[in-house]
Amino acid sequence: MNTLEITRNRMRKQAALSEAQRLMAKAYRGVEYIDAHHTALKPEKATELRYRGIRYSI
């Protein structure tokens, strides 16, 4: 193997890795990610409240 071939292979490998990382990030957009270090998101509370039967929002 010559230097040019080694450089091409390294560039190809880096490009494939970058593309794979981009596609994985794109696939998990908007999806909750839970593991040992990340906890589940809390559900959003309703913003419409009532006081003595009168509705109001925050």
N, C-alpha and C. Protein backbone atom coordinates (compact mmCIF):
# COMPACT_ATOMS: atom_id res chain seq x y z
N MET A 1 0.83 -1.18 0.00
CA MET A 1 0.00 0.00 0.00
C MET A 1 0.88 1.25 0.00
N ASN A 2 0.48 2.17 -0.80
CA ASN A 2 1.23 3.42 -0.81
C ASN A 2 0.52 4.47 0.05
N THR A 3 1.14 5.59 0.23
CA THR A 3 0.62 6.64 1.10
C THR A 3 -0.72 7.18 0.61
N LEU A 4 -0.86 7.33 -0.70
CA LEU A 4 -2.11 7.84 -1.25
C LEU A 4 -3.27 6.90 -0.95
N GLU A 5 -3.06 5.62 -1.10
CA GLU A 5 -4.11 4.64 -0.84
C GLU A 5 -4.50 4.62 0.65
N ILE A 6 -3.52 4.72 1.52
CA ILE A 6 -3.79 4.77 2.96
C ILE A 6 -4.62 6.01 3.29
N THR A 7 -4.24 7.14 2.71
CA THR A 7 -4.96 8.39 2.95
C THR A 7 -6.39 8.30 2.43
N ARG A 8 -6.58 7.73 1.25
CA ARG A 8 -7.93 7.57 0.69
C ARG A 8 -8.79 6.69 1.58
N ASN A 9 -8.22 5.58 2.03
CA ASN A 9 -8.99 4.67 2.90
C ASN A 9 -9.38 5.35 4.21
N ARG A 10 -8.47 6.13 4.77
CA ARG A 10 -8.75 6.85 6.01
C ARG A 10 -9.86 7.87 5.79
N MET A 11 -9.81 8.59 4.67
CA MET A 11 -10.84 9.58 4.35
C MET A 11 -12.19 8.91 4.12
N ARG A 12 -12.20 7.78 3.42
CA ARG A 12 -13.42 7.03 3.17
C ARG A 12 -14.04 6.55 4.48
N LYS A 13 -13.19 6.03 5.36
CA LYS A 13 -13.66 5.53 6.65
C LYS A 13 -14.26 6.67 7.49
N GLN A 14 -13.60 7.82 7.50
CA GLN A 14 -14.09 8.98 8.26
C GLN A 14 -15.41 9.48 7.67
N ALA A 15 -15.52 9.51 6.35
CA ALA A 15 -16.75 9.96 5.71
C ALA A 15 -17.91 9.01 6.03
N ALA A 16 -17.65 7.70 6.01
CA ALA A 16 -18.68 6.71 6.33
C ALA A 16 -19.12 6.85 7.78
N LEU A 17 -18.19 7.06 8.69
CA LEU A 17 -18.52 7.24 10.10
C LEU A 17 -19.35 8.50 10.31
N SER A 18 -18.97 9.59 9.69
CA SER A 18 -19.72 10.84 9.81
C SER A 18 -21.14 10.69 9.29
N GLU A 19 -21.29 10.03 8.16
CA GLU A 19 -22.61 9.81 7.57
C GLU A 19 -23.48 8.93 8.47
N ALA A 20 -22.89 7.88 9.02
CA ALA A 20 -23.63 6.99 9.91
C ALA A 20 -24.08 7.73 11.17
N GLN A 21 -23.20 8.55 11.74
CA GLN A 21 -23.56 9.33 12.93
C GLN A 21 -24.66 10.34 12.61
N ARG A 22 -24.60 10.95 11.44
CA ARG A 22 -25.62 11.92 11.05
C ARG A 22 -26.97 11.24 10.89
N LEU A 23 -26.99 10.05 10.26
CA LEU A 23 -28.24 9.34 10.05
C LEU A 23 -28.82 8.83 11.37
N MET A 24 -27.97 8.38 12.29
CA MET A 24 -28.47 7.92 13.59
C MET A 24 -29.07 9.08 14.36
N ALA A 25 -28.41 10.23 14.34
CA ALA A 25 -28.94 11.39 15.04
C ALA A 25 -30.27 11.81 14.44
N LYS A 26 -30.37 11.72 13.12
CA LYS A 26 -31.61 12.10 12.42
C LYS A 26 -32.74 11.14 12.77
N ALA A 27 -32.40 9.85 12.93
CA ALA A 27 -33.42 8.84 13.22
C ALA A 27 -34.01 9.02 14.61
N TYR A 28 -33.23 9.56 15.54
CA TYR A 28 -33.69 9.66 16.92
C TYR A 28 -34.14 11.06 17.32
N ARG A 29 -34.34 11.94 16.36
CA ARG A 29 -34.84 13.28 16.69
C ARG A 29 -36.26 13.17 17.21
N GLY A 30 -36.50 13.82 18.33
CA GLY A 30 -37.85 13.82 18.89
C GLY A 30 -38.20 12.56 19.66
N VAL A 31 -37.28 11.61 19.75
CA VAL A 31 -37.54 10.38 20.47
C VAL A 31 -36.84 10.47 21.82
N GLU A 32 -37.55 10.10 22.86
CA GLU A 32 -36.99 10.15 24.20
C GLU A 32 -35.89 9.10 24.32
N TYR A 33 -34.73 9.49 24.82
CA TYR A 33 -33.59 8.60 24.95
C TYR A 33 -33.35 8.34 26.43
N ILE A 34 -33.56 7.09 26.87
CA ILE A 34 -33.42 6.74 28.27
C ILE A 34 -32.37 5.65 28.40
N ASP A 35 -31.41 5.86 29.31
CA ASP A 35 -30.43 4.83 29.65
C ASP A 35 -29.98 5.07 31.08
N ALA A 36 -28.84 4.54 31.47
CA ALA A 36 -28.37 4.65 32.84
C ALA A 36 -28.09 6.10 33.24
N HIS A 37 -27.77 6.96 32.29
CA HIS A 37 -27.39 8.33 32.59
C HIS A 37 -28.47 9.35 32.26
N HIS A 38 -29.51 8.94 31.55
CA HIS A 38 -30.58 9.85 31.15
C HIS A 38 -31.90 9.35 31.72
N THR A 39 -32.64 10.22 32.35
CA THR A 39 -33.94 9.84 32.90
C THR A 39 -35.05 10.22 31.93
N ALA A 40 -36.21 9.67 32.17
CA ALA A 40 -37.36 9.97 31.31
C ALA A 40 -37.80 11.41 31.51
N LEU A 41 -38.30 12.01 30.45
CA LEU A 41 -38.82 13.37 30.54
C LEU A 41 -40.13 13.36 31.29
N LYS A 42 -40.38 14.42 32.04
CA LYS A 42 -41.63 14.53 32.77
C LYS A 42 -42.73 14.95 31.79
N PRO A 43 -43.92 14.37 31.93
CA PRO A 43 -45.01 14.79 31.04
C PRO A 43 -45.38 16.24 31.32
N GLU A 44 -45.75 16.94 30.28
CA GLU A 44 -46.12 18.35 30.42
C GLU A 44 -47.46 18.46 31.13
N LYS A 45 -47.55 19.41 32.02
CA LYS A 45 -48.79 19.63 32.75
C LYS A 45 -49.71 20.52 31.91
N ALA A 46 -50.98 20.33 32.12
CA ALA A 46 -51.95 21.17 31.42
C ALA A 46 -51.82 22.60 31.92
N THR A 47 -51.88 23.54 31.03
CA THR A 47 -51.72 24.94 31.43
C THR A 47 -53.06 25.61 31.73
N GLU A 48 -54.15 24.91 31.47
CA GLU A 48 -55.46 25.49 31.75
C GLU A 48 -55.85 25.15 33.18
N LEU A 49 -56.08 26.16 33.98
CA LEU A 49 -56.43 25.98 35.38
C LEU A 49 -57.81 26.57 35.65
N ARG A 50 -58.34 26.23 36.82
CA ARG A 50 -59.65 26.77 37.23
C ARG A 50 -59.56 27.33 38.64
N TYR A 51 -60.22 28.45 38.83
CA TYR A 51 -60.35 29.04 40.15
C TYR A 51 -61.81 29.39 40.35
N ARG A 52 -62.44 28.69 41.27
CA ARG A 52 -63.88 28.86 41.54
C ARG A 52 -64.72 28.77 40.28
N GLY A 53 -64.36 27.78 39.44
CA GLY A 53 -65.13 27.52 38.23
C GLY A 53 -64.77 28.37 37.02
N ILE A 54 -63.87 29.33 37.19
CA ILE A 54 -63.47 30.20 36.08
C ILE A 54 -62.15 29.67 35.52
N ARG A 55 -62.14 29.41 34.23
CA ARG A 55 -60.94 28.86 33.59
C ARG A 55 -59.96 29.98 33.27
N TYR A 56 -58.67 29.67 33.42
CA TYR A 56 -57.62 30.60 33.01
C TYR A 56 -56.38 29.79 32.64
N SER A 57 -55.50 30.41 31.86
CA SER A 57 -54.27 29.76 31.42
C SER A 57 -53.06 30.53 31.92
N ILE A 58 -52.00 29.82 32.04
CA ILE A 58 -50.74 30.45 32.48
C ILE A 58 -49.95 30.86 31.26
